[in-house]
Amino acid sequence: MQDADKIFLEYVVKALVDNPNDVKIDRTVDEMGVLISLTVNPADMGKIIGRMGNTAKAIRTLLRIIGMKNNARVNLKINEPEGGMRPEPRPATGGMATKTVDQAMEDLKGI
């Protein structure tokens, strides 16, 4: 039963999403182990990732358990949709505010 991980992932993901027909799973095996790539409808990304990534983390944990049972290292890659809505990283400020109080007050006056 080499594809148990793929079958399991397909079952879980299709149960979570609103568009199960858009779920695509690719499984590749190399010397590093098994890599499963998951693609879902962009509207369903939030359901797969979950709040703070907890759903994705749980799915990855369960896939690793299935892999251990079959003596394989299983990794899950969730493909980001085209034009994804990933937030821009914030610039490091070193703990200092990026605006002075006077600048912030001027911004508030314009409201």
PDB file of N, CA and C in Angstrom:
ATOM      1  N   MET A   1       0.856  -1.194   0.000  1.00  0.00           N
ATOM      2  CA  MET A   1       0.000   0.000   0.000  1.00  0.00           C
ATOM      3  C   MET A   1       0.884   1.235   0.000  1.00  0.00           C
ATOM      4  N   GLN A   2       1.522   1.522  -1.109  1.00  0.00           N
ATOM      5  CA  GLN A   2       2.459   2.633  -1.211  1.00  0.00           C
ATOM      6  C   GLN A   2       1.775   3.991  -1.239  1.00  0.00           C
ATOM      7  N   ASP A   3       0.543   4.064  -1.707  1.00  0.00           N
ATOM      8  CA  ASP A   3      -0.138   5.348  -1.846  1.00  0.00           C
ATOM      9  C   ASP A   3      -1.081   5.640  -0.686  1.00  0.00           C
ATOM     10  N   ALA A   4      -0.897   5.006   0.456  1.00  0.00           N
ATOM     11  CA  ALA A   4      -1.784   5.224   1.599  1.00  0.00           C
ATOM     12  C   ALA A   4      -1.770   6.685   2.024  1.00  0.00           C
ATOM     13  N   ASP A   5      -0.602   7.319   1.952  1.00  0.00           N
ATOM     14  CA  ASP A   5      -0.512   8.727   2.343  1.00  0.00           C
ATOM     15  C   ASP A   5      -1.309   9.620   1.395  1.00  0.00           C
ATOM     16  N   LYS A   6      -1.248   9.337   0.127  1.00  0.00           N
ATOM     17  CA  LYS A   6      -1.980  10.135  -0.865  1.00  0.00           C
ATOM     18  C   LYS A   6      -3.487   9.935  -0.714  1.00  0.00           C
ATOM     19  N   ILE A   7      -3.911   8.700  -0.511  1.00  0.00           N
ATOM     20  CA  ILE A   7      -5.329   8.398  -0.332  1.00  0.00           C
ATOM     21  C   ILE A   7      -5.861   9.077   0.925  1.00  0.00           C
ATOM     22  N   PHE A   8      -5.085   9.009   2.007  1.00  0.00           N
ATOM     23  CA  PHE A   8      -5.481   9.654   3.255  1.00  0.00           C
ATOM     24  C   PHE A   8      -5.615  11.162   3.074  1.00  0.00           C
ATOM     25  N   LEU A   9      -4.614  11.786   2.457  1.00  0.00           N
ATOM     26  CA  LEU A   9      -4.638  13.236   2.260  1.00  0.00           C
ATOM     27  C   LEU A   9      -5.836  13.646   1.406  1.00  0.00           C
ATOM     28  N   GLU A  10      -6.097  12.908   0.348  1.00  0.00           N
ATOM     29  CA  GLU A  10      -7.225  13.234  -0.525  1.00  0.00           C
ATOM     30  C   GLU A  10      -8.541  13.164   0.255  1.00  0.00           C
ATOM     31  N   TYR A  11      -8.698  12.143   1.082  1.00  0.00           N
ATOM     32  CA  TYR A  11      -9.920  11.981   1.872  1.00  0.00           C
ATOM     33  C   TYR A  11     -10.109  13.157   2.836  1.00  0.00           C
ATOM     34  N   VAL A  12      -9.055  13.517   3.558  1.00  0.00           N
ATOM     35  CA  VAL A  12      -9.148  14.582   4.554  1.00  0.00           C
ATOM     36  C   VAL A  12      -9.393  15.934   3.884  1.00  0.00           C
ATOM     37  N   VAL A  13      -8.623  16.247   2.855  1.00  0.00           N
ATOM     38  CA  VAL A  13      -8.726  17.553   2.211  1.00  0.00           C
ATOM     39  C   VAL A  13     -10.088  17.727   1.545  1.00  0.00           C
ATOM     40  N   LYS A  14     -10.566  16.713   0.856  1.00  0.00           N
ATOM     41  CA  LYS A  14     -11.869  16.833   0.188  1.00  0.00           C
ATOM     42  C   LYS A  14     -12.999  16.989   1.192  1.00  0.00           C
ATOM     43  N   ALA A  15     -12.827  16.465   2.399  1.00  0.00           N
ATOM     44  CA  ALA A  15     -13.838  16.642   3.439  1.00  0.00           C
ATOM     45  C   ALA A  15     -13.818  18.062   3.999  1.00  0.00           C
ATOM     46  N   LEU A  16     -12.684  18.748   3.921  1.00  0.00           N
ATOM     47  CA  LEU A  16     -12.553  20.088   4.496  1.00  0.00           C
ATOM     48  C   LEU A  16     -12.983  21.206   3.553  1.00  0.00           C
ATOM     49  N   VAL A  17     -12.777  21.049   2.257  1.00  0.00           N
ATOM     50  CA  VAL A  17     -12.939  22.160   1.318  1.00  0.00           C
ATOM     51  C   VAL A  17     -14.360  22.240   0.754  1.00  0.00           C
ATOM     52  N   ASP A  18     -14.690  23.399   0.191  1.00  0.00           N
ATOM     53  CA  ASP A  18     -15.976  23.602  -0.466  1.00  0.00           C
ATOM     54  C   ASP A  18     -15.955  23.163  -1.927  1.00  0.00           C
ATOM     55  N   ASN A  19     -14.768  23.084  -2.522  1.00  0.00           N
ATOM     56  CA  ASN A  19     -14.612  22.712  -3.939  1.00  0.00           C
ATOM     57  C   ASN A  19     -13.760  21.447  -4.052  1.00  0.00           C
ATOM     58  N   PRO A  20     -14.308  20.278  -3.699  1.00  0.00           N
ATOM     59  CA  PRO A  20     -13.492  19.059  -3.719  1.00  0.00           C
ATOM     60  C   PRO A  20     -13.009  18.650  -5.106  1.00  0.00           C
ATOM     61  N   ASN A  21     -13.700  19.093  -6.155  1.00  0.00           N
ATOM     62  CA  ASN A  21     -13.273  18.733  -7.513  1.00  0.00           C
ATOM     63  C   ASN A  21     -12.004  19.461  -7.930  1.00  0.00           C
ATOM     64  N   ASP A  22     -11.648  20.543  -7.220  1.00  0.00           N
ATOM     65  CA  ASP A  22     -10.443  21.315  -7.551  1.00  0.00           C
ATOM     66  C   ASP A  22      -9.202  20.824  -6.812  1.00  0.00           C
ATOM     67  N   VAL A  23      -9.327  19.790  -5.997  1.00  0.00           N
ATOM     68  CA  VAL A  23      -8.190  19.269  -5.235  1.00  0.00           C
ATOM     69  C   VAL A  23      -7.299  18.448  -6.160  1.00  0.00           C
ATOM     70  N   LYS A  24      -6.004  18.801  -6.176  1.00  0.00           N
ATOM     71  CA  LYS A  24      -5.030  18.061  -6.981  1.00  0.00           C
ATOM     72  C   LYS A  24      -3.874  17.662  -6.068  1.00  0.00           C
ATOM     73  N   ILE A  25      -3.490  16.397  -6.132  1.00  0.00           N
ATOM     74  CA  ILE A  25      -2.421  15.884  -5.284  1.00  0.00           C
ATOM     75  C   ILE A  25      -1.400  15.189  -6.166  1.00  0.00           C
ATOM     76  N   ASP A  26      -0.136  15.620  -6.057  1.00  0.00           N
ATOM     77  CA  ASP A  26       0.969  14.982  -6.784  1.00  0.00           C
ATOM     78  C   ASP A  26       1.906  14.362  -5.760  1.00  0.00           C
ATOM     79  N   ARG A  27       2.324  13.142  -6.015  1.00  0.00           N
ATOM     80  CA  ARG A  27       3.206  12.420  -5.095  1.00  0.00           C
ATOM     81  C   ARG A  27       4.477  12.041  -5.830  1.00  0.00           C
ATOM     82  N   THR A  28       5.620  12.473  -5.298  1.00  0.00           N
ATOM     83  CA  THR A  28       6.914  12.119  -5.887  1.00  0.00           C
ATOM     84  C   THR A  28       7.787  11.481  -4.819  1.00  0.00           C
ATOM     85  N   VAL A  29       8.571  10.524  -5.247  1.00  0.00           N
ATOM     86  CA  VAL A  29       9.472   9.809  -4.334  1.00  0.00           C
ATOM     87  C   VAL A  29      10.889   9.972  -4.847  1.00  0.00           C
ATOM     88  N   ASP A  30      11.818  10.339  -3.946  1.00  0.00           N
ATOM     89  CA  ASP A  30      13.231  10.410  -4.295  1.00  0.00           C
ATOM     90  C   ASP A  30      14.042   9.923  -3.100  1.00  0.00           C
ATOM     91  N   GLU A  31      15.343  10.141  -3.137  1.00  0.00           N
ATOM     92  CA  GLU A  31      16.207   9.648  -2.057  1.00  0.00           C
ATOM     93  C   GLU A  31      15.952  10.346  -0.723  1.00  0.00           C
ATOM     94  N   MET A  32      15.319  11.505  -0.754  1.00  0.00           N
ATOM     95  CA  MET A  32      15.010  12.243   0.480  1.00  0.00           C
ATOM     96  C   MET A  32      13.715  11.760   1.134  1.00  0.00           C
ATOM     97  N   GLY A  33      12.873  11.068   0.387  1.00  0.00           N
ATOM     98  CA  GLY A  33      11.607  10.587   0.918  1.00  0.00           C
ATOM     99  C   GLY A  33      10.474  10.883  -0.040  1.00  0.00           C
ATOM    100  N   VAL A  34       9.281  11.054   0.505  1.00  0.00           N
ATOM    101  CA  VAL A  34       8.078  11.290  -0.285  1.00  0.00           C
ATOM    102  C   VAL A  34       7.695  12.760  -0.160  1.00  0.00           C
ATOM    103  N   LEU A  35       7.439  13.392  -1.291  1.00  0.00           N
ATOM    104  CA  LEU A  35       6.954  14.767  -1.296  1.00  0.00           C
ATOM    105  C   LEU A  35       5.567  14.763  -1.924  1.00  0.00           C
ATOM    106  N   ILE A  36       4.592  15.234  -1.142  1.00  0.00           N
ATOM    107  CA  ILE A  36       3.226  15.338  -1.637  1.00  0.00           C
ATOM    108  C   ILE A  36       2.923  16.813  -1.825  1.00  0.00           C
ATOM    109  N   SER A  37       2.546  17.183  -3.045  1.00  0.00           N
ATOM    110  CA  SER A  37       2.193  18.571  -3.361  1.00  0.00           C
ATOM    111  C   SER A  37       0.675  18.667  -3.461  1.00  0.00           C
ATOM    112  N   LEU A  38       0.121  19.614  -2.717  1.00  0.00           N
ATOM    113  CA  LEU A  38      -1.325  19.789  -2.662  1.00  0.00           C
ATOM    114  C   LEU A  38      -1.707  21.116  -3.297  1.00  0.00           C
ATOM    115  N   THR A  39      -2.662  21.071  -4.207  1.00  0.00           N
ATOM    116  CA  THR A  39      -3.197  22.283  -4.825  1.00  0.00           C
ATOM    117  C   THR A  39      -4.703  22.271  -4.619  1.00  0.00           C
ATOM    118  N   VAL A  40      -5.230  23.379  -4.093  1.00  0.00           N
ATOM    119  CA  VAL A  40      -6.668  23.502  -3.883  1.00  0.00           C
ATOM    120  C   VAL A  40      -7.150  24.811  -4.499  1.00  0.00           C
ATOM    121  N   ASN A  41      -8.449  24.964  -4.570  1.00  0.00           N
ATOM    122  CA  ASN A  41      -9.056  26.196  -5.045  1.00  0.00           C
ATOM    123  C   ASN A  41      -8.604  27.338  -4.124  1.00  0.00           C
ATOM    124  N   PRO A  42      -8.254  28.504  -4.669  1.00  0.00           N
ATOM    125  CA  PRO A  42      -7.799  29.617  -3.821  1.00  0.00           C
ATOM    126  C   PRO A  42      -8.784  29.992  -2.719  1.00  0.00           C
ATOM    127  N   ALA A  43     -10.077  29.800  -2.953  1.00  0.00           N
ATOM    128  CA  ALA A  43     -11.073  30.116  -1.929  1.00  0.00           C
ATOM    129  C   ALA A  43     -10.998  29.158  -0.741  1.00  0.00           C
ATOM    130  N   ASP A  44     -10.393  27.991  -0.932  1.00  0.00           N
ATOM    131  CA  ASP A  44     -10.308  26.984   0.121  1.00  0.00           C
ATOM    132  C   ASP A  44      -8.974  26.987   0.875  1.00  0.00           C
ATOM    133  N   MET A  45      -8.065  27.873   0.503  1.00  0.00           N
ATOM    134  CA  MET A  45      -6.747  27.879   1.150  1.00  0.00           C
ATOM    135  C   MET A  45      -6.852  28.086   2.662  1.00  0.00           C
ATOM    136  N   GLY A  46      -7.724  28.964   3.093  1.00  0.00           N
ATOM    137  CA  GLY A  46      -7.867  29.228   4.513  1.00  0.00           C
ATOM    138  C   GLY A  46      -8.320  28.009   5.293  1.00  0.00           C
ATOM    139  N   LYS A  47      -9.160  27.197   4.687  1.00  0.00           N
ATOM    140  CA  LYS A  47      -9.637  25.985   5.361  1.00  0.00           C
ATOM    141  C   LYS A  47      -8.521  24.963   5.506  1.00  0.00           C
ATOM    142  N   ILE A  48      -7.633  24.902   4.541  1.00  0.00           N
ATOM    143  CA  ILE A  48      -6.538  23.930   4.588  1.00  0.00           C
ATOM    144  C   ILE A  48      -5.446  24.394   5.555  1.00  0.00           C
ATOM    145  N   ILE A  49      -5.136  25.674   5.535  1.00  0.00           N
ATOM    146  CA  ILE A  49      -4.080  26.183   6.404  1.00  0.00           C
ATOM    147  C   ILE A  49      -4.581  26.307   7.839  1.00  0.00           C
ATOM    148  N   GLY A  50      -5.783  26.807   8.015  1.00  0.00           N
ATOM    149  CA  GLY A  50      -6.352  26.923   9.358  1.00  0.00           C
ATOM    150  C   GLY A  50      -5.835  28.139  10.096  1.00  0.00           C
ATOM    151  N   ARG A  51      -6.401  28.368  11.252  1.00  0.00           N
ATOM    152  CA  ARG A  51      -6.008  29.514  12.066  1.00  0.00           C
ATOM    153  C   ARG A  51      -4.582  29.299  12.566  1.00  0.00           C
ATOM    154  N   MET A  52      -3.719  30.249  12.238  1.00  0.00           N
ATOM    155  CA  MET A  52      -2.297  30.212  12.606  1.00  0.00           C
ATOM    156  C   MET A  52      -1.595  28.945  12.094  1.00  0.00           C
ATOM    157  N   GLY A  53      -2.125  28.345  11.028  1.00  0.00           N
ATOM    158  CA  GLY A  53      -1.485  27.182  10.424  1.00  0.00           C
ATOM    159  C   GLY A  53      -1.720  25.873  11.148  1.00  0.00           C
ATOM    160  N   ASN A  54      -2.647  25.859  12.094  1.00  0.00           N
ATOM    161  CA  ASN A  54      -2.850  24.659  12.904  1.00  0.00           C
ATOM    162  C   ASN A  54      -3.402  23.479  12.114  1.00  0.00           C
ATOM    163  N   THR A  55      -4.293  23.730  11.156  1.00  0.00           N
ATOM    164  CA  THR A  55      -4.844  22.623  10.372  1.00  0.00           C
ATOM    165  C   THR A  55      -3.755  22.007   9.497  1.00  0.00           C
ATOM    166  N   ALA A  56      -2.972  22.838   8.829  1.00  0.00           N
ATOM    167  CA  ALA A  56      -1.878  22.323   7.991  1.00  0.00           C
ATOM    168  C   ALA A  56      -0.872  21.556   8.836  1.00  0.00           C
ATOM    169  N   LYS A  57      -0.571  22.067  10.016  1.00  0.00           N
ATOM    170  CA  LYS A  57       0.372  21.400  10.911  1.00  0.00           C
ATOM    171  C   LYS A  57      -0.149  20.017  11.327  1.00  0.00           C
ATOM    172  N   ALA A  58      -1.452  19.928  11.620  1.00  0.00           N
ATOM    173  CA  ALA A  58      -2.046  18.650  12.013  1.00  0.00           C
ATOM    174  C   ALA A  58      -2.021  17.653  10.854  1.00  0.00           C
ATOM    175  N   ILE A  59      -2.334  18.124   9.653  1.00  0.00           N
ATOM    176  CA  ILE A  59      -2.301  17.238   8.479  1.00  0.00           C
ATOM    177  C   ILE A  59      -0.881  16.726   8.254  1.00  0.00           C
ATOM    178  N   ARG A  60       0.116  17.611   8.381  1.00  0.00           N
ATOM    179  CA  ARG A  60       1.517  17.191   8.200  1.00  0.00           C
ATOM    180  C   ARG A  60       1.918  16.150   9.245  1.00  0.00           C
ATOM    181  N   THR A  61       1.471  16.345  10.477  1.00  0.00           N
ATOM    182  CA  THR A  61       1.794  15.391  11.546  1.00  0.00           C
ATOM    183  C   THR A  61       1.205  14.025  11.233  1.00  0.00           C
ATOM    184  N   LEU A  62      -0.042  13.989  10.818  1.00  0.00           N
ATOM    185  CA  LEU A  62      -0.680  12.714  10.489  1.00  0.00           C
ATOM    186  C   LEU A  62      -0.006  12.039   9.291  1.00  0.00           C
ATOM    187  N   LEU A  63       0.413  12.830   8.301  1.00  0.00           N
ATOM    188  CA  LEU A  63       1.120  12.245   7.154  1.00  0.00           C
ATOM    189  C   LEU A  63       2.461  11.653   7.581  1.00  0.00           C
ATOM    190  N   ARG A  64       3.148  12.306   8.503  1.00  0.00           N
ATOM    191  CA  ARG A  64       4.424  11.761   8.988  1.00  0.00           C
ATOM    192  C   ARG A  64       4.208  10.438   9.716  1.00  0.00           C
ATOM    193  N   ILE A  65       3.101  10.331  10.456  1.00  0.00           N
ATOM    194  CA  ILE A  65       2.791   9.081  11.154  1.00  0.00           C
ATOM    195  C   ILE A  65       2.541   7.965  10.152  1.00  0.00           C
ATOM    196  N   ILE A  66       1.787   8.265   9.105  1.00  0.00           N
ATOM    197  CA  ILE A  66       1.554   7.267   8.055  1.00  0.00           C
ATOM    198  C   ILE A  66       2.875   6.885   7.404  1.00  0.00           C
ATOM    199  N   GLY A  67       3.739   7.876   7.187  1.00  0.00           N
ATOM    200  CA  GLY A  67       5.048   7.596   6.598  1.00  0.00           C
ATOM    201  C   GLY A  67       5.899   6.703   7.485  1.00  0.00           C
ATOM    202  N   MET A  68       5.877   6.957   8.795  1.00  0.00           N
ATOM    203  CA  MET A  68       6.666   6.127   9.713  1.00  0.00           C
ATOM    204  C   MET A  68       6.195   4.680   9.668  1.00  0.00           C
ATOM    205  N   LYS A  69       4.898   4.481   9.527  1.00  0.00           N
ATOM    206  CA  LYS A  69       4.354   3.121   9.444  1.00  0.00           C
ATOM    207  C   LYS A  69       4.871   2.398   8.202  1.00  0.00           C
ATOM    208  N   ASN A  70       5.145   3.167   7.139  1.00  0.00           N
ATOM    209  CA  ASN A  70       5.640   2.594   5.882  1.00  0.00           C
ATOM    210  C   ASN A  70       7.130   2.826   5.678  1.00  0.00           C
ATOM    211  N   ASN A  71       7.858   3.210   6.744  1.00  0.00           N
ATOM    212  CA  ASN A  71       9.301   3.458   6.688  1.00  0.00           C
ATOM    213  C   ASN A  71       9.671   4.492   5.623  1.00  0.00           C
ATOM    214  N   ALA A  72       8.932   5.581   5.582  1.00  0.00           N
ATOM    215  CA  ALA A  72       9.202   6.641   4.612  1.00  0.00           C
ATOM    216  C   ALA A  72       9.042   7.995   5.302  1.00  0.00           C
ATOM    217  N   ARG A  73       9.815   8.956   4.833  1.00  0.00           N
ATOM    218  CA  ARG A  73       9.683  10.330   5.328  1.00  0.00           C
ATOM    219  C   ARG A  73       8.750  11.066   4.378  1.00  0.00           C
ATOM    220  N   VAL A  74       7.618  11.527   4.904  1.00  0.00           N
ATOM    221  CA  VAL A  74       6.597  12.168   4.079  1.00  0.00           C
ATOM    222  C   VAL A  74       6.551  13.657   4.411  1.00  0.00           C
ATOM    223  N   ASN A  75       6.638  14.484   3.380  1.00  0.00           N
ATOM    224  CA  ASN A  75       6.533  15.931   3.531  1.00  0.00           C
ATOM    225  C   ASN A  75       5.387  16.432   2.667  1.00  0.00           C
ATOM    226  N   LEU A  76       4.689  17.457   3.177  1.00  0.00           N
ATOM    227  CA  LEU A  76       3.573  18.049   2.450  1.00  0.00           C
ATOM    228  C   LEU A  76       3.921  19.463   2.043  1.00  0.00           C
ATOM    229  N   LYS A  77       3.727  19.747   0.763  1.00  0.00           N
ATOM    230  CA  LYS A  77       3.902  21.104   0.242  1.00  0.00           C
ATOM    231  C   LYS A  77       2.539  21.580  -0.229  1.00  0.00           C
ATOM    232  N   ILE A  78       2.082  22.703   0.334  1.00  0.00           N
ATOM    233  CA  ILE A  78       0.811  23.282  -0.076  1.00  0.00           C
ATOM    234  C   ILE A  78       1.127  24.383  -1.068  1.00  0.00           C
ATOM    235  N   ASN A  79       0.722  24.180  -2.312  1.00  0.00           N
ATOM    236  CA  ASN A  79       1.019  25.137  -3.372  1.00  0.00           C
ATOM    237  C   ASN A  79       0.195  26.401  -3.197  1.00  0.00           C
ATOM    238  N   GLU A  80       0.870  27.532  -3.252  1.00  0.00           N
ATOM    239  CA  GLU A  80       0.197  28.822  -3.141  1.00  0.00           C
ATOM    240  C   GLU A  80      -0.457  29.151  -4.478  1.00  0.00           C
ATOM    241  N   PRO A  81      -1.708  29.614  -4.459  1.00  0.00           N
ATOM    242  CA  PRO A  81      -2.375  29.927  -5.728  1.00  0.00           C
ATOM    243  C   PRO A  81      -1.779  31.155  -6.388  1.00  0.00           C
ATOM    244  N   GLU A  82      -2.003  31.270  -7.692  1.00  0.00           N
ATOM    245  CA  GLU A  82      -1.549  32.445  -8.427  1.00  0.00           C
ATOM    246  C   GLU A  82      -2.202  33.680  -7.842  1.00  0.00           C
ATOM    247  N   GLY A  83      -1.420  34.739  -7.667  1.00  0.00           N
ATOM    248  CA  GLY A  83      -1.966  35.971  -7.106  1.00  0.00           C
ATOM    249  C   GLY A  83      -2.385  35.799  -5.669  1.00  0.00           C
ATOM    250  N   GLY A  84      -1.618  35.006  -4.916  1.00  0.00           N
ATOM    251  CA  GLY A  84      -1.948  34.740  -3.510  1.00  0.00           C
ATOM    252  C   GLY A  84      -2.029  36.008  -2.696  1.00  0.00           C
ATOM    253  N   MET A  85      -2.690  35.917  -1.566  1.00  0.00           N
ATOM    254  CA  MET A  85      -2.941  37.074  -0.720  1.00  0.00           C
ATOM    255  C   MET A  85      -2.002  37.088   0.492  1.00  0.00           C
ATOM    256  N   ARG A  86      -0.810  36.553   0.358  1.00  0.00           N
ATOM    257  CA  ARG A  86       0.128  36.520   1.471  1.00  0.00           C
ATOM    258  C   ARG A  86       0.485  37.948   1.867  1.00  0.00           C
ATOM    259  N   PRO A  87       0.394  38.270   3.157  1.00  0.00           N
ATOM    260  CA  PRO A  87       0.705  39.640   3.578  1.00  0.00           C
ATOM    261  C   PRO A  87       2.185  39.952   3.403  1.00  0.00           C
ATOM    262  N   GLU A  88       2.450  41.211   3.123  1.00  0.00           N
ATOM    263  CA  GLU A  88       3.835  41.652   2.976  1.00  0.00           C
ATOM    264  C   GLU A  88       4.523  41.614   4.335  1.00  0.00           C
ATOM    265  N   PRO A  89       5.775  41.186   4.388  1.00  0.00           N
ATOM    266  CA  PRO A  89       6.470  41.182   5.664  1.00  0.00           C
ATOM    267  C   PRO A  89       6.697  42.604   6.169  1.00  0.00           C
ATOM    268  N   ARG A  90       6.594  42.761   7.475  1.00  0.00           N
ATOM    269  CA  ARG A  90       6.805  44.082   8.068  1.00  0.00           C
ATOM    270  C   ARG A  90       8.289  44.368   8.168  1.00  0.00           C
ATOM    271  N   PRO A  91       8.687  45.609   7.946  1.00  0.00           N
ATOM    272  CA  PRO A  91      10.103  45.927   8.097  1.00  0.00           C
ATOM    273  C   PRO A  91      10.501  45.882   9.570  1.00  0.00           C
ATOM    274  N   ALA A  92      11.701  45.441   9.817  1.00  0.00           N
ATOM    275  CA  ALA A  92      12.208  45.398  11.194  1.00  0.00           C
ATOM    276  C   ALA A  92      12.489  46.815  11.655  1.00  0.00           C
ATOM    277  N   THR A  93      11.947  47.174  12.807  1.00  0.00           N
ATOM    278  CA  THR A  93      12.116  48.540  13.294  1.00  0.00           C
ATOM    279  C   THR A  93      13.034  48.604  14.497  1.00  0.00           C
ATOM    280  N   GLY A  94      13.472  47.467  14.984  1.00  0.00           N
ATOM    281  CA  GLY A  94      14.369  47.480  16.138  1.00  0.00           C
ATOM    282  C   GLY A  94      13.687  47.972  17.399  1.00  0.00           C
ATOM    283  N   GLY A  95      12.360  47.823  17.464  1.00  0.00           N
ATOM    284  CA  GLY A  95      11.635  48.222  18.655  1.00  0.00           C
ATOM    285  C   GLY A  95      11.269  49.694  18.672  1.00  0.00           C
ATOM    286  N   MET A  96      11.661  50.448  17.659  1.00  0.00           N
ATOM    287  CA  MET A  96      11.365  51.874  17.631  1.00  0.00           C
ATOM    288  C   MET A  96      10.187  52.127  16.695  1.00  0.00           C
ATOM    289  N   ALA A  97       9.409  53.141  16.995  1.00  0.00           N
ATOM    290  CA  ALA A  97       8.289  53.500  16.138  1.00  0.00           C
ATOM    291  C   ALA A  97       8.809  54.023  14.810  1.00  0.00           C
ATOM    292  N   THR A  98       8.050  53.765  13.745  1.00  0.00           N
ATOM    293  CA  THR A  98       8.482  54.222  12.430  1.00  0.00           C
ATOM    294  C   THR A  98       8.098  55.671  12.188  1.00  0.00           C
ATOM    295  N   LYS A  99       7.150  56.206  12.977  1.00  0.00           N
ATOM    296  CA  LYS A  99       6.745  57.606  12.857  1.00  0.00           C
ATOM    297  C   LYS A  99       6.943  58.288  14.202  1.00  0.00           C
ATOM    298  N   THR A 100       7.199  59.575  14.126  1.00  0.00           N
ATOM    299  CA  THR A 100       7.252  60.342  15.370  1.00  0.00           C
ATOM    300  C   THR A 100       5.826  60.647  15.807  1.00  0.00           C
ATOM    301  N   VAL A 101       5.671  61.088  17.023  1.00  0.00           N
ATOM    302  CA  VAL A 101       4.352  61.444  17.538  1.00  0.00           C
ATOM    303  C   VAL A 101       3.762  62.588  16.711  1.00  0.00           C
ATOM    304  N   ASP A 102       4.597  63.563  16.350  1.00  0.00           N
ATOM    305  CA  ASP A 102       4.111  64.692  15.548  1.00  0.00           C
ATOM    306  C   ASP A 102       3.593  64.231  14.196  1.00  0.00           C
ATOM    307  N   GLN A 103       4.301  63.280  13.560  1.00  0.00           N
ATOM    308  CA  GLN A 103       3.859  62.761  12.259  1.00  0.00           C
ATOM    309  C   GLN A 103       2.529  62.024  12.406  1.00  0.00           C
ATOM    310  N   ALA A 104       2.386  61.248  13.467  1.00  0.00           N
ATOM    311  CA  ALA A 104       1.144  60.514  13.705  1.00  0.00           C
ATOM    312  C   ALA A 104      -0.011  61.486  13.937  1.00  0.00           C
ATOM    313  N   MET A 105       0.243  62.581  14.666  1.00  0.00           N
ATOM    314  CA  MET A 105      -0.813  63.575  14.925  1.00  0.00           C
ATOM    315  C   MET A 105      -1.238  64.255  13.612  1.00  0.00           C
ATOM    316  N   GLU A 106      -0.276  64.535  12.748  1.00  0.00           N
ATOM    317  CA  GLU A 106      -0.604  65.135  11.450  1.00  0.00           C
ATOM    318  C   GLU A 106      -1.472  64.195  10.623  1.00  0.00           C
ATOM    319  N   ASP A 107      -1.161  62.883  10.678  1.00  0.00           N
ATOM    320  CA  ASP A 107      -1.953  61.898   9.967  1.00  0.00           C
ATOM    321  C   ASP A 107      -3.374  61.874  10.487  1.00  0.00           C
ATOM    322  N   LEU A 108      -3.548  61.993  11.801  1.00  0.00           N
ATOM    323  CA  LEU A 108      -4.870  61.970  12.397  1.00  0.00           C
ATOM    324  C   LEU A 108      -5.685  63.205  12.039  1.00  0.00           C
ATOM    325  N   LYS A 109      -5.016  64.333  11.873  1.00  0.00           N
ATOM    326  CA  LYS A 109      -5.727  65.571  11.521  1.00  0.00           C
ATOM    327  C   LYS A 109      -6.349  65.463  10.140  1.00  0.00           C
ATOM    328  N   GLY A 110      -5.732  64.682   9.275  1.00  0.00           N
ATOM    329  CA  GLY A 110      -6.232  64.542   7.912  1.00  0.00           C
ATOM    330  C   GLY A 110      -7.481  63.672   7.824  1.00  0.00           C
ATOM    331  N   ILE A 111      -7.829  63.004   8.906  1.00  0.00           N
ATOM    332  CA  ILE A 111      -8.984  62.083   8.884  1.00  0.00           C
ATOM    333  C   ILE A 111     -10.282  62.814   9.039  1.00  0.00           C
TER     334      ILE A 111
END
